[in-house]
């Protein structure tokens, strides 16, 4: 494939993605960065970006405009943009391949204790204490996804799942939920084989005071966990009046 053919293919997929998700390519009045959609101008930006890459000793394809990588989970897009100065350049975006909302769920027992899982995250190469979360299944709403993640990561009976709100991280919609769960025997079951394979090796139950101490001490840094805690607190659902 020649360089021109490669660029054409990436821009063709870009045009297809624009037709599929037009809201992600909108230029609202007063936008700080205007997405350049004129094909000739996209080509000029790509040429200039390719030259910059060559000067740095990098492959010139690193400067291509369009969909530059895609798999089952993410779509990497490089847009040609016009700044408020009138100059043009590029911006990279990581889009979620799945358009269904993901879910984050804060599990709480009837006695008020909160459940956390210890999860190894490849992105940081570290273990994190956090609450269950996951990608949305095709056609599933946030509550259904929350129940699925609870079954996979917690393995305890769920009495109810209450929506706390919806947040947006880049283009991904995430439903935040609070789940009331039952612990019959008094002991947490060991992580399932699926949870173990996905990097979960421990679960723990914490009183609200213990949870808040971990937050204040910087032991809980997971963004989704902190957002769920903030929403539940703002709604007065964690500490009795």
C-alpha atoms as a PDB file:
ATOM      1  CA  UNK A   1       0.000   0.000   0.000  1.00  0.00           C
ATOM      2  CA  UNK A   2       1.387   3.399  -0.953  1.00  0.00           C
ATOM      3  CA  UNK A   3       1.376   6.354   1.423  1.00  0.00           C
ATOM      4  CA  UNK A   4      -1.459   7.953  -0.548  1.00  0.00           C
ATOM      5  CA  UNK A   5      -3.528   4.765  -0.466  1.00  0.00           C
ATOM      6  CA  UNK A   6      -2.972   4.502   3.290  1.00  0.00           C
ATOM      7  CA  UNK A   7      -4.112   8.081   3.831  1.00  0.00           C
ATOM      8  CA  UNK A   8      -7.168   7.563   1.626  1.00  0.00           C
ATOM      9  CA  UNK A   9      -8.164   4.454   3.579  1.00  0.00           C
ATOM     10  CA  UNK A  10      -7.830   6.226   6.910  1.00  0.00           C
ATOM     11  CA  UNK A  11      -9.844   9.207   5.728  1.00  0.00           C
ATOM     12  CA  UNK A  12     -12.513   6.913   4.240  1.00  0.00           C
ATOM     13  CA  UNK A  13     -12.981   5.220   7.614  1.00  0.00           C
ATOM     14  CA  UNK A  14     -13.003   8.672   9.208  1.00  0.00           C
ATOM     15  CA  UNK A  15     -15.862   9.726   6.930  1.00  0.00           C
ATOM     16  CA  UNK A  16     -17.739   6.543   7.799  1.00  0.00           C
ATOM     17  CA  UNK A  17     -17.251   7.172  11.518  1.00  0.00           C
ATOM     18  CA  UNK A  18     -18.485  10.716  11.056  1.00  0.00           C
ATOM     19  CA  UNK A  19     -21.682   9.380   9.459  1.00  0.00           C
ATOM     20  CA  UNK A  20     -22.129   6.906  12.325  1.00  0.00           C
ATOM     21  CA  UNK A  21     -21.497   9.424  15.133  1.00  0.00           C
ATOM     22  CA  UNK A  22     -22.091  12.910  13.741  1.00  0.00           C
ATOM     23  CA  UNK A  23     -22.220  14.519  17.199  1.00  0.00           C
ATOM     24  CA  UNK A  24     -18.511  13.765  17.675  1.00  0.00           C
ATOM     25  CA  UNK A  25     -17.632  15.854  14.618  1.00  0.00           C
ATOM     26  CA  UNK A  26     -19.858  18.849  15.280  1.00  0.00           C
ATOM     27  CA  UNK A  27     -18.474  22.381  15.199  1.00  0.00           C
ATOM     28  CA  UNK A  28     -20.747  24.316  17.561  1.00  0.00           C
ATOM     29  CA  UNK A  29     -20.665  28.121  17.504  1.00  0.00           C
ATOM     30  CA  UNK A  30     -17.672  29.392  19.421  1.00  0.00           C
ATOM     31  CA  UNK A  31     -15.852  26.049  19.476  1.00  0.00           C
ATOM     32  CA  UNK A  32     -12.266  26.548  20.622  1.00  0.00           C
ATOM     33  CA  UNK A  33     -11.025  23.992  18.106  1.00  0.00           C
ATOM     34  CA  UNK A  34     -12.819  23.634  14.777  1.00  0.00           C
ATOM     35  CA  UNK A  35     -12.592  20.198  13.163  1.00  0.00           C
ATOM     36  CA  UNK A  36     -11.436  20.654   9.573  1.00  0.00           C
ATOM     37  CA  UNK A  37     -13.608  18.546   7.274  1.00  0.00           C
ATOM     38  CA  UNK A  38     -12.510  19.882   3.890  1.00  0.00           C
ATOM     39  CA  UNK A  39     -10.588  17.057   2.213  1.00  0.00           C
ATOM     40  CA  UNK A  40      -7.985  19.264   0.523  1.00  0.00           C
ATOM     41  CA  UNK A  41      -7.218  21.038   3.782  1.00  0.00           C
ATOM     42  CA  UNK A  42      -6.999  17.715   5.598  1.00  0.00           C
ATOM     43  CA  UNK A  43      -4.397  16.661   3.048  1.00  0.00           C
ATOM     44  CA  UNK A  44      -2.385  19.846   3.606  1.00  0.00           C
ATOM     45  CA  UNK A  45      -2.437  19.306   7.362  1.00  0.00           C
ATOM     46  CA  UNK A  46      -1.368  15.681   6.872  1.00  0.00           C
ATOM     47  CA  UNK A  47       1.544  16.730   4.628  1.00  0.00           C
ATOM     48  CA  UNK A  48       2.757  19.263   7.166  1.00  0.00           C
ATOM     49  CA  UNK A  49       2.367  16.777  10.015  1.00  0.00           C
ATOM     50  CA  UNK A  50       4.240  14.086   8.040  1.00  0.00           C
ATOM     51  CA  UNK A  51       7.124  16.509   7.431  1.00  0.00           C
ATOM     52  CA  UNK A  52       7.283  17.252  11.139  1.00  0.00           C
ATOM     53  CA  UNK A  53       7.450  13.528  11.897  1.00  0.00           C
ATOM     54  CA  UNK A  54      10.271  13.028   9.398  1.00  0.00           C
ATOM     55  CA  UNK A  55      12.231  15.854  11.014  1.00  0.00           C
ATOM     56  CA  UNK A  56      11.950  14.030  14.331  1.00  0.00           C
ATOM     57  CA  UNK A  57      13.065  10.747  12.797  1.00  0.00           C
ATOM     58  CA  UNK A  58       9.612   9.191  13.166  1.00  0.00           C
ATOM     59  CA  UNK A  59       7.521   7.368  10.542  1.00  0.00           C
ATOM     60  CA  UNK A  60       5.600   9.910   8.492  1.00  0.00           C
ATOM     61  CA  UNK A  61       2.396   7.888   8.853  1.00  0.00           C
ATOM     62  CA  UNK A  62       2.301   9.081  12.476  1.00  0.00           C
ATOM     63  CA  UNK A  63       1.027  12.336  11.005  1.00  0.00           C
ATOM     64  CA  UNK A  64      -1.904  10.853   9.069  1.00  0.00           C
ATOM     65  CA  UNK A  65      -5.384  12.312   9.490  1.00  0.00           C
ATOM     66  CA  UNK A  66      -8.342   9.993  10.065  1.00  0.00           C
ATOM     67  CA  UNK A  67      -8.829   6.691  11.877  1.00  0.00           C
ATOM     68  CA  UNK A  68      -5.257   5.639  12.545  1.00  0.00           C
ATOM     69  CA  UNK A  69      -5.983   2.593  14.759  1.00  0.00           C
ATOM     70  CA  UNK A  70      -9.038   0.500  15.606  1.00  0.00           C
ATOM     71  CA  UNK A  71      -9.794  -2.704  17.490  1.00  0.00           C
ATOM     72  CA  UNK A  72     -12.711  -4.207  19.432  1.00  0.00           C
ATOM     73  CA  UNK A  73     -12.297  -1.708  22.270  1.00  0.00           C
ATOM     74  CA  UNK A  74     -10.931   1.626  21.068  1.00  0.00           C
ATOM     75  CA  UNK A  75     -10.779   3.805  17.973  1.00  0.00           C
ATOM     76  CA  UNK A  76      -7.826   6.172  17.692  1.00  0.00           C
ATOM     77  CA  UNK A  77      -8.623   9.268  15.630  1.00  0.00           C
ATOM     78  CA  UNK A  78      -6.380  12.121  14.534  1.00  0.00           C
ATOM     79  CA  UNK A  79      -8.404  15.178  13.541  1.00  0.00           C
ATOM     80  CA  UNK A  80      -7.227  18.105  11.490  1.00  0.00           C
ATOM     81  CA  UNK A  81      -8.238  21.181  13.507  1.00  0.00           C
ATOM     82  CA  UNK A  82      -8.215  24.949  13.173  1.00  0.00           C
ATOM     83  CA  UNK A  83      -7.301  26.922  16.276  1.00  0.00           C
ATOM     84  CA  UNK A  84      -8.666  30.324  17.235  1.00  0.00           C
ATOM     85  CA  UNK A  85      -5.532  31.883  15.772  1.00  0.00           C
ATOM     86  CA  UNK A  86      -6.544  30.566  12.350  1.00  0.00           C
ATOM     87  CA  UNK A  87      -3.608  28.147  12.285  1.00  0.00           C
ATOM     88  CA  UNK A  88      -4.259  24.468  11.599  1.00  0.00           C
ATOM     89  CA  UNK A  89      -2.835  21.423  13.337  1.00  0.00           C
ATOM     90  CA  UNK A  90      -3.894  18.060  14.695  1.00  0.00           C
ATOM     91  CA  UNK A  91      -5.583  16.611  17.769  1.00  0.00           C
ATOM     92  CA  UNK A  92      -5.754  12.945  18.756  1.00  0.00           C
ATOM     93  CA  UNK A  93      -8.845  11.379  20.331  1.00  0.00           C
ATOM     94  CA  UNK A  94      -9.404   7.935  21.803  1.00  0.00           C
ATOM     95  CA  UNK A  95     -13.007   6.887  21.169  1.00  0.00           C
ATOM     96  CA  UNK A  96     -14.859   3.955  22.670  1.00  0.00           C
ATOM     97  CA  UNK A  97     -15.566   1.304  20.037  1.00  0.00           C
ATOM     98  CA  UNK A  98     -18.720   0.341  21.933  1.00  0.00           C
ATOM     99  CA  UNK A  99     -21.378   3.043  21.948  1.00  0.00           C
ATOM    100  CA  UNK A 100     -23.453   1.430  24.726  1.00  0.00           C
ATOM    101  CA  UNK A 101     -22.917   3.024  28.167  1.00  0.00           C
ATOM    102  CA  UNK A 102     -20.580   1.389  30.616  1.00  0.00           C
ATOM    103  CA  UNK A 103     -21.431   1.025  34.295  1.00  0.00           C
ATOM    104  CA  UNK A 104     -19.796   1.666  37.646  1.00  0.00           C
ATOM    105  CA  UNK A 105     -21.493   0.237  40.715  1.00  0.00           C
ATOM    106  CA  UNK A 106     -20.900   0.952  44.402  1.00  0.00           C
ATOM    107  CA  UNK A 107     -21.899  -2.195  46.380  1.00  0.00           C
ATOM    108  CA  UNK A 108     -23.335  -1.606  49.876  1.00  0.00           C
ATOM    109  CA  UNK A 109     -24.475  -4.118  52.487  1.00  0.00           C
ATOM    110  CA  UNK A 110     -27.556  -3.622  54.639  1.00  0.00           C
ATOM    111  CA  UNK A 111     -25.317  -2.669  57.586  1.00  0.00           C
ATOM    112  CA  UNK A 112     -23.825   0.189  55.565  1.00  0.00           C
ATOM    113  CA  UNK A 113     -20.463  -1.361  54.772  1.00  0.00           C
ATOM    114  CA  UNK A 114     -19.063  -0.817  51.298  1.00  0.00           C
ATOM    115  CA  UNK A 115     -17.341  -3.444  49.175  1.00  0.00           C
ATOM    116  CA  UNK A 116     -14.127  -2.817  47.259  1.00  0.00           C
ATOM    117  CA  UNK A 117     -12.184  -5.096  44.926  1.00  0.00           C
ATOM    118  CA  UNK A 118      -8.402  -5.109  44.516  1.00  0.00           C
ATOM    119  CA  UNK A 119      -7.819  -4.886  40.788  1.00  0.00           C
ATOM    120  CA  UNK A 120      -4.577  -4.897  38.818  1.00  0.00           C
ATOM    121  CA  UNK A 121      -4.752  -2.314  36.034  1.00  0.00           C
ATOM    122  CA  UNK A 122      -2.500  -2.749  33.024  1.00  0.00           C
ATOM    123  CA  UNK A 123      -2.548   0.972  32.223  1.00  0.00           C
ATOM    124  CA  UNK A 124      -0.841   1.941  35.484  1.00  0.00           C
ATOM    125  CA  UNK A 125       0.892  -1.418  36.159  1.00  0.00           C
ATOM    126  CA  UNK A 126      -0.397  -1.155  39.722  1.00  0.00           C
ATOM    127  CA  UNK A 127      -2.991  -2.636  42.051  1.00  0.00           C
ATOM    128  CA  UNK A 128      -5.961  -0.388  42.877  1.00  0.00           C
ATOM    129  CA  UNK A 129      -8.770  -0.598  45.403  1.00  0.00           C
ATOM    130  CA  UNK A 130     -11.920   0.217  43.450  1.00  0.00           C
ATOM    131  CA  UNK A 131     -15.553  -0.693  42.880  1.00  0.00           C
ATOM    132  CA  UNK A 132     -16.838  -2.965  40.079  1.00  0.00           C
ATOM    133  CA  UNK A 133     -17.157  -1.468  36.619  1.00  0.00           C
ATOM    134  CA  UNK A 134     -17.299  -2.669  33.055  1.00  0.00           C
ATOM    135  CA  UNK A 135     -18.043  -2.081  29.405  1.00  0.00           C
ATOM    136  CA  UNK A 136     -21.631  -1.935  28.250  1.00  0.00           C
ATOM    137  CA  UNK A 137     -22.998  -5.003  26.529  1.00  0.00           C
ATOM    138  CA  UNK A 138     -24.687  -4.366  23.170  1.00  0.00           C
ATOM    139  CA  UNK A 139     -28.252  -3.244  23.809  1.00  0.00           C
ATOM    140  CA  UNK A 140     -27.910  -3.317  27.610  1.00  0.00           C
ATOM    141  CA  UNK A 141     -28.654  -0.285  29.760  1.00  0.00           C
ATOM    142  CA  UNK A 142     -26.487   0.803  32.663  1.00  0.00           C
ATOM    143  CA  UNK A 143     -28.490  -1.042  35.323  1.00  0.00           C
ATOM    144  CA  UNK A 144     -28.231  -4.343  33.450  1.00  0.00           C
ATOM    145  CA  UNK A 145     -24.496  -3.855  32.977  1.00  0.00           C
ATOM    146  CA  UNK A 146     -24.128  -3.046  36.682  1.00  0.00           C
ATOM    147  CA  UNK A 147     -25.816  -6.316  37.635  1.00  0.00           C
ATOM    148  CA  UNK A 148     -23.572  -8.237  35.232  1.00  0.00           C
ATOM    149  CA  UNK A 149     -20.427  -6.698  36.708  1.00  0.00           C
ATOM    150  CA  UNK A 150     -21.608  -7.425  40.249  1.00  0.00           C
ATOM    151  CA  UNK A 151     -22.196 -11.071  39.369  1.00  0.00           C
ATOM    152  CA  UNK A 152     -18.739 -11.366  37.778  1.00  0.00           C
ATOM    153  CA  UNK A 153     -16.676  -9.418  40.296  1.00  0.00           C
ATOM    154  CA  UNK A 154     -18.597  -9.819  43.568  1.00  0.00           C
ATOM    155  CA  UNK A 155     -20.711 -12.962  43.316  1.00  0.00           C
ATOM    156  CA  UNK A 156     -23.274 -11.920  45.930  1.00  0.00           C
ATOM    157  CA  UNK A 157     -27.080 -11.662  45.686  1.00  0.00           C
ATOM    158  CA  UNK A 158     -28.273  -8.225  44.595  1.00  0.00           C
ATOM    159  CA  UNK A 159     -31.419  -6.813  46.195  1.00  0.00           C
ATOM    160  CA  UNK A 160     -31.618  -3.571  44.271  1.00  0.00           C
ATOM    161  CA  UNK A 161     -29.615  -1.314  41.943  1.00  0.00           C
ATOM    162  CA  UNK A 162     -30.234   2.418  42.190  1.00  0.00           C
ATOM    163  CA  UNK A 163     -29.039   4.841  39.488  1.00  0.00           C
ATOM    164  CA  UNK A 164     -26.970   7.722  40.864  1.00  0.00           C
ATOM    165  CA  UNK A 165     -26.344   9.580  37.623  1.00  0.00           C
ATOM    166  CA  UNK A 166     -24.502   9.498  34.337  1.00  0.00           C
ATOM    167  CA  UNK A 167     -21.087  10.971  33.621  1.00  0.00           C
ATOM    168  CA  UNK A 168     -19.147  11.388  30.406  1.00  0.00           C
ATOM    169  CA  UNK A 169     -15.459  10.578  30.050  1.00  0.00           C
ATOM    170  CA  UNK A 170     -14.367  11.829  26.639  1.00  0.00           C
ATOM    171  CA  UNK A 171     -16.962  10.174  24.359  1.00  0.00           C
ATOM    172  CA  UNK A 172     -17.843   7.316  26.739  1.00  0.00           C
ATOM    173  CA  UNK A 173     -21.070   7.461  28.750  1.00  0.00           C
ATOM    174  CA  UNK A 174     -20.887   5.800  32.156  1.00  0.00           C
ATOM    175  CA  UNK A 175     -23.881   5.030  34.368  1.00  0.00           C
ATOM    176  CA  UNK A 176     -23.072   5.318  38.082  1.00  0.00           C
ATOM    177  CA  UNK A 177     -25.106   3.062  40.380  1.00  0.00           C
ATOM    178  CA  UNK A 178     -25.488   2.077  44.009  1.00  0.00           C
ATOM    179  CA  UNK A 179     -26.277  -1.611  44.645  1.00  0.00           C
ATOM    180  CA  UNK A 180     -27.788  -3.087  47.780  1.00  0.00           C
ATOM    181  CA  UNK A 181     -26.332  -6.589  48.248  1.00  0.00           C
ATOM    182  CA  UNK A 182     -26.847  -9.477  50.655  1.00  0.00           C
ATOM    183  CA  UNK A 183     -24.092 -11.250  52.551  1.00  0.00           C
ATOM    184  CA  UNK A 184     -25.730 -14.336  54.009  1.00  0.00           C
ATOM    185  CA  UNK A 185     -22.850 -16.267  55.551  1.00  0.00           C
ATOM    186  CA  UNK A 186     -20.864 -13.318  56.876  1.00  0.00           C
ATOM    187  CA  UNK A 187     -17.827 -14.120  54.734  1.00  0.00           C
ATOM    188  CA  UNK A 188     -17.042 -12.954  51.243  1.00  0.00           C
ATOM    189  CA  UNK A 189     -16.792 -15.758  48.700  1.00  0.00           C
ATOM    190  CA  UNK A 190     -13.419 -16.062  46.936  1.00  0.00           C
ATOM    191  CA  UNK A 191     -13.087 -14.327  43.572  1.00  0.00           C
ATOM    192  CA  UNK A 192     -14.434 -16.345  40.666  1.00  0.00           C
ATOM    193  CA  UNK A 193     -12.059 -17.767  38.086  1.00  0.00           C
ATOM    194  CA  UNK A 194     -13.181 -15.107  35.596  1.00  0.00           C
ATOM    195  CA  UNK A 195     -12.530 -12.322  38.103  1.00  0.00           C
ATOM    196  CA  UNK A 196      -9.131 -13.790  38.943  1.00  0.00           C
ATOM    197  CA  UNK A 197      -8.153 -13.922  35.272  1.00  0.00           C
ATOM    198  CA  UNK A 198      -9.224 -10.277  34.844  1.00  0.00           C
ATOM    199  CA  UNK A 199      -6.861  -9.207  37.631  1.00  0.00           C
ATOM    200  CA  UNK A 200      -9.088  -9.209  40.729  1.00  0.00           C
ATOM    201  CA  UNK A 201      -7.489 -11.051  43.628  1.00  0.00           C
ATOM    202  CA  UNK A 202      -9.154  -9.627  46.766  1.00  0.00           C
ATOM    203  CA  UNK A 203     -12.356  -8.052  48.038  1.00  0.00           C
ATOM    204  CA  UNK A 204     -12.819  -6.195  51.288  1.00  0.00           C
ATOM    205  CA  UNK A 205     -15.685  -4.731  53.298  1.00  0.00           C
ATOM    206  CA  UNK A 206     -15.260  -1.306  54.840  1.00  0.00           C
ATOM    207  CA  UNK A 207     -17.326   0.898  57.084  1.00  0.00           C
ATOM    208  CA  UNK A 208     -18.023   4.321  55.633  1.00  0.00           C
ATOM    209  CA  UNK A 209     -15.519   5.829  58.058  1.00  0.00           C
ATOM    210  CA  UNK A 210     -12.848   3.351  56.921  1.00  0.00           C
ATOM    211  CA  UNK A 211     -13.640   4.065  53.287  1.00  0.00           C
ATOM    212  CA  UNK A 212     -13.374   7.818  53.808  1.00  0.00           C
ATOM    213  CA  UNK A 213     -10.074   7.404  55.650  1.00  0.00           C
ATOM    214  CA  UNK A 214      -8.686   5.558  52.608  1.00  0.00           C
ATOM    215  CA  UNK A 215      -9.908   8.382  50.374  1.00  0.00           C
ATOM    216  CA  UNK A 216      -8.331  11.043  52.569  1.00  0.00           C
ATOM    217  CA  UNK A 217      -5.062   9.079  52.810  1.00  0.00           C
ATOM    218  CA  UNK A 218      -4.822   8.682  49.035  1.00  0.00           C
ATOM    219  CA  UNK A 219      -5.268   4.899  49.148  1.00  0.00           C
ATOM    220  CA  UNK A 220      -8.265   5.106  46.804  1.00  0.00           C
ATOM    221  CA  UNK A 221      -7.352   6.960  43.628  1.00  0.00           C
ATOM    222  CA  UNK A 222      -9.654   5.314  41.072  1.00  0.00           C
ATOM    223  CA  UNK A 223     -11.665   8.048  39.365  1.00  0.00           C
ATOM    224  CA  UNK A 224     -14.836   5.978  38.932  1.00  0.00           C
ATOM    225  CA  UNK A 225     -14.859   4.962  42.607  1.00  0.00           C
ATOM    226  CA  UNK A 226     -14.447   8.564  43.744  1.00  0.00           C
ATOM    227  CA  UNK A 227     -17.221   9.775  41.398  1.00  0.00           C
ATOM    228  CA  UNK A 228     -19.639   7.121  42.696  1.00  0.00           C
ATOM    229  CA  UNK A 229     -18.802   8.052  46.281  1.00  0.00           C
ATOM    230  CA  UNK A 230     -19.300  11.763  45.525  1.00  0.00           C
ATOM    231  CA  UNK A 231     -22.684  11.199  43.856  1.00  0.00           C
ATOM    232  CA  UNK A 232     -23.948   8.894  46.598  1.00  0.00           C
ATOM    233  CA  UNK A 233     -22.800  11.372  49.243  1.00  0.00           C
ATOM    234  CA  UNK A 234     -24.391  14.334  47.453  1.00  0.00           C
ATOM    235  CA  UNK A 235     -27.691  12.411  47.342  1.00  0.00           C
ATOM    236  CA  UNK A 236     -27.470  11.591  51.059  1.00  0.00           C
ATOM    237  CA  UNK A 237     -27.506   7.833  50.471  1.00  0.00           C
ATOM    238  CA  UNK A 238     -24.421   6.758  52.414  1.00  0.00           C
ATOM    239  CA  UNK A 239     -24.771   8.406  55.811  1.00  0.00           C
ATOM    240  CA  UNK A 240     -28.119   8.417  57.603  1.00  0.00           C
ATOM    241  CA  UNK A 241     -29.579  11.848  58.334  1.00  0.00           C
END
